[in-house]
N, C-alpha and C. Protein backbone atom coordinates (compact mmCIF):
# COMPACT_ATOMS: atom_id res chain seq x y z
N MET A 1 41.89 150.23 274.94
CA MET A 1 42.87 148.98 275.20
C MET A 1 42.95 147.84 273.99
N ALA A 2 41.32 147.52 273.51
CA ALA A 2 41.14 146.01 273.03
C ALA A 2 42.13 146.56 271.77
N ASN A 3 41.77 147.54 271.30
CA ASN A 3 42.72 148.55 269.77
C ASN A 3 43.87 147.90 269.90
N ASN A 4 44.27 148.34 271.18
CA ASN A 4 45.91 147.95 270.82
C ASN A 4 46.22 146.85 270.57
N GLY A 5 45.60 145.92 271.20
CA GLY A 5 46.03 144.55 270.77
C GLY A 5 45.99 143.98 269.35
N VAL A 6 45.12 144.48 268.86
CA VAL A 6 44.47 144.36 267.55
C VAL A 6 45.36 145.07 266.58
N THR A 7 46.39 145.99 266.61
CA THR A 7 47.36 147.09 266.49
C THR A 7 48.12 146.21 266.00
N THR A 8 48.76 145.83 267.58
CA THR A 8 49.57 145.14 267.78
C THR A 8 50.06 143.80 266.93
N ARG A 9 48.96 143.34 267.06
CA ARG A 9 49.18 141.82 265.99
C ARG A 9 49.48 142.17 264.59
N LEU A 10 48.44 142.91 264.40
CA LEU A 10 48.27 143.84 262.29
C LEU A 10 49.60 143.82 262.35
N GLN A 11 50.40 144.84 263.24
CA GLN A 11 52.12 145.45 262.73
C GLN A 11 52.77 144.06 263.00
N LYS A 12 52.72 143.20 263.81
CA LYS A 12 53.73 141.74 263.83
C LYS A 12 53.08 141.18 262.19
N GLU A 13 52.03 141.41 261.76
CA GLU A 13 52.01 140.23 260.77
C GLU A 13 52.51 141.23 259.42
N MET A 14 52.05 142.21 259.44
CA MET A 14 52.64 143.07 258.41
C MET A 14 54.02 142.81 258.22
N ASN A 15 54.56 143.31 259.73
CA ASN A 15 56.48 143.09 259.57
C ASN A 15 56.60 141.98 259.05
N GLN A 16 56.13 140.81 259.53
CA GLN A 16 56.04 139.13 259.09
C GLN A 16 55.89 139.13 257.31
N LEU A 17 55.15 139.62 257.00
CA LEU A 17 55.07 139.40 255.30
C LEU A 17 55.83 140.27 254.71
N GLN A 18 56.38 141.22 255.60
CA GLN A 18 57.23 142.44 254.88
C GLN A 18 58.48 141.73 254.78
N GLN A 19 59.08 140.57 255.37
CA GLN A 19 60.44 139.88 256.55
C GLN A 19 60.11 138.66 254.65
N GLU A 20 58.68 138.48 254.67
CA GLU A 20 58.31 137.26 253.48
C GLU A 20 58.79 137.43 252.36
N PHE A 21 58.33 138.97 252.17
CA PHE A 21 58.82 139.55 250.40
C PHE A 21 60.02 139.78 250.10
N THR A 22 61.11 140.59 251.29
CA THR A 22 61.93 140.48 251.09
C THR A 22 62.83 139.51 250.73
N GLN A 23 62.57 138.16 251.24
CA GLN A 23 63.36 136.92 251.63
C GLN A 23 63.28 136.51 249.78
N LEU A 24 61.52 136.75 249.57
CA LEU A 24 61.18 136.03 248.47
C LEU A 24 61.87 137.00 247.21
N LYS A 25 61.99 138.70 247.06
CA LYS A 25 62.51 139.10 246.35
C LYS A 25 64.01 139.04 246.10
N SER A 26 65.07 138.59 247.28
CA SER A 26 66.44 138.29 247.17
C SER A 26 66.28 137.00 246.45
N ASP A 27 65.26 135.53 246.88
CA ASP A 27 65.36 134.39 246.00
C ASP A 27 65.36 134.44 244.73
N LEU A 28 64.38 135.34 244.38
CA LEU A 28 64.07 135.64 242.93
C LEU A 28 65.42 136.48 242.42
N ASP A 29 65.51 137.39 242.79
CA ASP A 29 66.80 138.33 242.72
C ASP A 29 68.03 136.70 242.22
N THR A 30 68.28 136.11 242.79
CA THR A 30 69.63 134.90 242.53
C THR A 30 69.10 134.14 241.53
N LYS A 31 67.92 133.48 241.50
CA LYS A 31 67.48 132.84 240.16
C LYS A 31 67.79 133.59 238.83
N ILE A 32 67.08 134.56 238.84
CA ILE A 32 67.22 135.60 237.66
C ILE A 32 69.06 135.76 237.27
N ASP A 33 69.43 136.30 238.68
CA ASP A 33 70.60 135.98 238.19
C ASP A 33 71.87 135.07 237.56
N THR A 34 71.38 133.65 238.43
CA THR A 34 71.76 132.25 237.64
C THR A 34 71.36 132.46 235.97
N LYS A 35 70.14 132.51 235.99
CA LYS A 35 69.98 131.97 234.91
C LYS A 35 70.42 133.26 233.34
N PHE A 36 70.89 134.66 234.42
CA PHE A 36 70.78 135.42 233.30
C PHE A 36 72.82 135.07 232.84
N GLN A 37 73.32 134.45 233.95
CA GLN A 37 74.91 134.16 233.82
C GLN A 37 74.85 132.79 232.48
N SER A 38 74.14 132.29 233.12
CA SER A 38 73.70 130.77 232.32
C SER A 38 73.86 130.61 230.82
N PHE A 39 73.15 132.09 230.92
CA PHE A 39 72.07 132.60 229.07
C PHE A 39 73.28 133.15 228.14
N HIS A 40 74.06 134.44 229.61
CA HIS A 40 75.23 134.80 229.06
C HIS A 40 76.62 134.24 228.48
N ASP A 41 76.58 133.18 229.48
CA ASP A 41 77.61 132.19 229.00
C ASP A 41 77.26 131.28 227.70
N THR A 42 76.29 131.00 227.49
CA THR A 42 75.54 130.39 226.21
C THR A 42 75.92 131.09 224.74
N MET A 43 75.39 131.81 225.16
CA MET A 43 75.55 133.28 223.81
C MET A 43 77.19 133.35 223.65
N LYS A 44 77.74 133.38 224.67
CA LYS A 44 79.01 134.11 224.47
C LYS A 44 79.83 133.00 223.85
N TRP A 45 79.57 131.42 224.11
CA TRP A 45 80.10 129.98 223.62
C TRP A 45 79.73 129.92 222.19
N GLU A 46 78.54 130.46 221.96
CA GLU A 46 78.19 130.56 219.91
C GLU A 46 78.17 131.41 219.64
N ILE A 47 78.82 132.98 219.85
CA ILE A 47 79.08 133.60 219.25
C ILE A 47 80.43 133.53 218.72
N ARG A 48 81.50 133.12 220.57
CA ARG A 48 82.68 132.92 219.48
C ARG A 48 82.83 131.90 218.90
N THR A 49 82.17 130.74 218.84
CA THR A 49 82.31 129.06 217.64
C THR A 49 81.86 130.13 216.49
N LYS A 50 80.74 130.66 216.34
CA LYS A 50 80.58 131.87 214.69
C LYS A 50 81.16 132.15 214.04
N ILE A 51 82.29 132.77 215.23
CA ILE A 51 83.45 134.11 214.62
C ILE A 51 84.65 133.21 214.59
N HIS A 52 84.73 131.99 215.19
CA HIS A 52 85.75 131.00 214.89
C HIS A 52 85.45 130.18 213.24
N THR A 53 84.70 129.49 213.39
CA THR A 53 83.94 128.95 212.17
C THR A 53 84.13 129.79 210.94
N GLY A 54 83.75 131.18 210.55
CA GLY A 54 83.43 132.03 209.67
C GLY A 54 84.83 132.49 209.04
N LEU A 55 85.96 132.54 210.52
CA LEU A 55 87.21 133.30 210.31
C LEU A 55 88.06 131.81 209.75
N GLN A 56 87.58 130.42 210.42
CA GLN A 56 88.65 129.57 209.75
C GLN A 56 87.99 129.21 208.32
N VAL A 57 86.70 129.48 207.57
CA VAL A 57 86.68 129.15 206.23
C VAL A 57 87.47 130.01 205.09
N LEU A 58 86.94 131.44 205.97
CA LEU A 58 88.00 133.00 205.55
C LEU A 58 89.46 132.19 204.91
N PHE A 59 90.03 131.85 206.27
CA PHE A 59 91.73 131.19 206.31
C PHE A 59 91.81 129.73 205.45
N GLU A 60 90.83 129.44 204.67
CA GLU A 60 91.03 127.87 204.08
C GLU A 60 90.97 128.90 203.21
N GLN A 61 89.81 129.07 202.53
CA GLN A 61 89.73 130.17 201.08
C GLN A 61 91.06 130.28 200.33
N HIS A 62 92.18 131.04 201.22
CA HIS A 62 93.29 131.61 200.84
C HIS A 62 94.55 130.78 201.60
N MET A 63 94.56 129.58 202.34
CA MET A 63 95.44 129.17 203.05
C MET A 63 95.72 127.11 202.34
N GLY A 64 94.62 126.88 201.37
CA GLY A 64 94.34 125.66 201.09
C GLY A 64 94.21 124.67 201.28
N GLN A 65 94.72 123.27 201.16
CA GLN A 65 94.00 122.37 202.18
C GLN A 65 94.20 122.14 203.52
N SER A 66 93.73 121.40 203.89
CA SER A 66 93.35 121.21 205.46
C SER A 66 93.08 119.91 206.47
N THR A 67 93.62 120.08 207.81
CA THR A 67 92.93 118.78 208.21
C THR A 67 92.66 118.84 209.73
N ARG A 68 91.27 118.04 210.06
CA ARG A 68 90.83 118.11 211.20
C ARG A 68 91.53 118.14 212.14
N THR A 69 91.07 118.95 213.33
CA THR A 69 91.93 118.58 214.85
C THR A 69 90.71 119.44 215.87
N SER A 70 91.18 119.28 217.30
CA SER A 70 89.67 119.60 217.99
C SER A 70 90.56 120.88 218.58
N VAL A 71 89.71 121.90 219.10
CA VAL A 71 90.41 122.82 219.86
C VAL A 71 89.27 122.54 221.54
N VAL A 72 89.74 122.77 222.73
CA VAL A 72 89.33 122.60 223.95
C VAL A 72 88.96 124.15 224.46
N GLY A 73 87.38 124.34 224.50
CA GLY A 73 87.15 125.79 224.41
C GLY A 73 86.68 125.61 226.30
N THR A 74 85.61 126.75 226.28
CA THR A 74 85.59 126.56 227.71
C THR A 74 84.87 125.68 228.62
N ASN A 75 84.00 125.13 227.57
CA ASN A 75 83.02 124.04 228.15
C ASN A 75 82.78 122.96 227.32
N LYS A 76 83.65 123.17 225.79
CA LYS A 76 83.15 122.09 224.61
C LYS A 76 83.86 121.63 223.36
N ALA A 77 84.90 120.92 223.21
CA ALA A 77 85.20 120.92 222.29
C ALA A 77 85.06 121.29 220.68
N THR A 78 85.52 122.31 220.37
CA THR A 78 85.35 122.07 218.78
C THR A 78 86.03 122.03 217.82
N PRO A 79 85.54 120.81 216.13
CA PRO A 79 86.52 120.83 215.71
C PRO A 79 86.78 122.10 214.49
N VAL A 80 87.98 122.37 214.21
CA VAL A 80 88.81 123.60 213.52
C VAL A 80 90.08 122.73 212.82
N GLU A 81 89.85 122.97 211.51
CA GLU A 81 91.05 122.53 210.21
C GLU A 81 92.12 123.64 210.53
N VAL A 82 93.21 122.59 210.11
CA VAL A 82 94.73 123.49 210.22
C VAL A 82 95.75 123.03 208.79
N SER A 83 95.60 124.30 209.16
CA SER A 83 96.44 124.50 207.48
C SER A 83 97.52 123.37 207.03
N LEU A 84 97.84 122.49 206.32
CA LEU A 84 99.01 121.64 206.11
C LEU A 84 100.01 122.08 205.14
N ASP A 85 99.02 123.18 203.75
CA ASP A 85 100.10 123.79 203.03
C ASP A 85 100.82 124.83 203.53
N LYS A 86 101.81 124.68 203.80
CA LYS A 86 102.51 126.22 204.64
C LYS A 86 103.58 126.78 203.23
N GLY A 87 103.08 126.29 201.65
CA GLY A 87 103.51 126.70 200.63
C GLY A 87 103.01 128.33 200.62
N LYS A 88 101.80 128.35 200.78
CA LYS A 88 101.18 129.18 199.96
C LYS A 88 100.76 130.40 200.54
N GLY A 89 100.26 131.60 200.48
CA GLY A 89 100.38 132.99 201.30
C GLY A 89 99.09 132.90 201.04
N ILE A 90 98.55 134.38 201.63
CA ILE A 90 97.64 135.14 201.59
C ILE A 90 96.77 134.97 200.14
N LEU A 91 97.77 135.21 199.34
CA LEU A 91 97.36 135.73 198.22
C LEU A 91 97.90 134.35 196.74
N GLY A 92 97.97 133.24 197.21
CA GLY A 92 97.79 132.42 196.27
C GLY A 92 99.31 131.34 197.19
N ASN A 93 100.32 130.97 195.11
CA ASN A 93 101.37 130.68 195.61
C ASN A 93 102.79 131.73 196.08
N VAL A 94 103.72 130.90 196.67
CA VAL A 94 104.56 131.65 196.98
C VAL A 94 105.74 131.75 195.52
N PRO A 95 105.94 132.68 195.30
CA PRO A 95 106.63 133.66 194.49
C PRO A 95 107.56 132.60 193.65
N SER A 96 108.13 132.40 192.49
CA SER A 96 109.15 130.91 191.61
C SER A 96 110.08 131.99 192.15
N GLU A 97 111.53 131.40 191.49
CA GLU A 97 112.53 131.81 191.33
C GLU A 97 112.40 132.83 189.88
N SER A 98 111.38 132.00 188.52
CA SER A 98 111.77 132.67 187.71
C SER A 98 111.02 134.46 187.64
N SER A 99 109.56 133.69 188.61
CA SER A 99 109.18 134.83 188.96
C SER A 99 109.92 136.47 189.46
N LYS A 100 110.89 136.12 190.23
CA LYS A 100 111.38 137.18 190.95
C LYS A 100 112.77 137.63 190.25
N GLU A 101 112.99 136.87 188.95
CA GLU A 101 114.24 137.34 187.88
C GLU A 101 113.39 138.25 186.97
N GLU A 102 111.80 138.25 187.10
CA GLU A 102 111.40 139.49 186.11
C GLU A 102 111.44 140.68 186.47
C-alpha cells in the first residue's frame, strides 16, 4: 500500500512535467513563428528594394534624365527616380519628321 502513494505522487509529478513541457513547446513555437515572420518580412522588403532599384537603373539607362522622389512601401520610404524626359523611347530619341519621310 505504501507503494501506491509513491506511484500516485510520481504520476502526478510526471503529469505536471508533461504539462510544463507542452507549455514550453507552445511558447517556443510562438517565438519561432514570430522571429520567422519578422525575418520573412525583412527579406521580402530587401528583395523588393533590390529589384526595384535594379529596374530603376535599367529604365534610367533607356529613358534619359530623371528626378528623385520617394515611394512609401509597406514600412519604409524608398527614394525613386522618375524620368522627366518623355520624348525619348526605349531605343533612344523620338523619330523626327525627316526620318519618317525616308
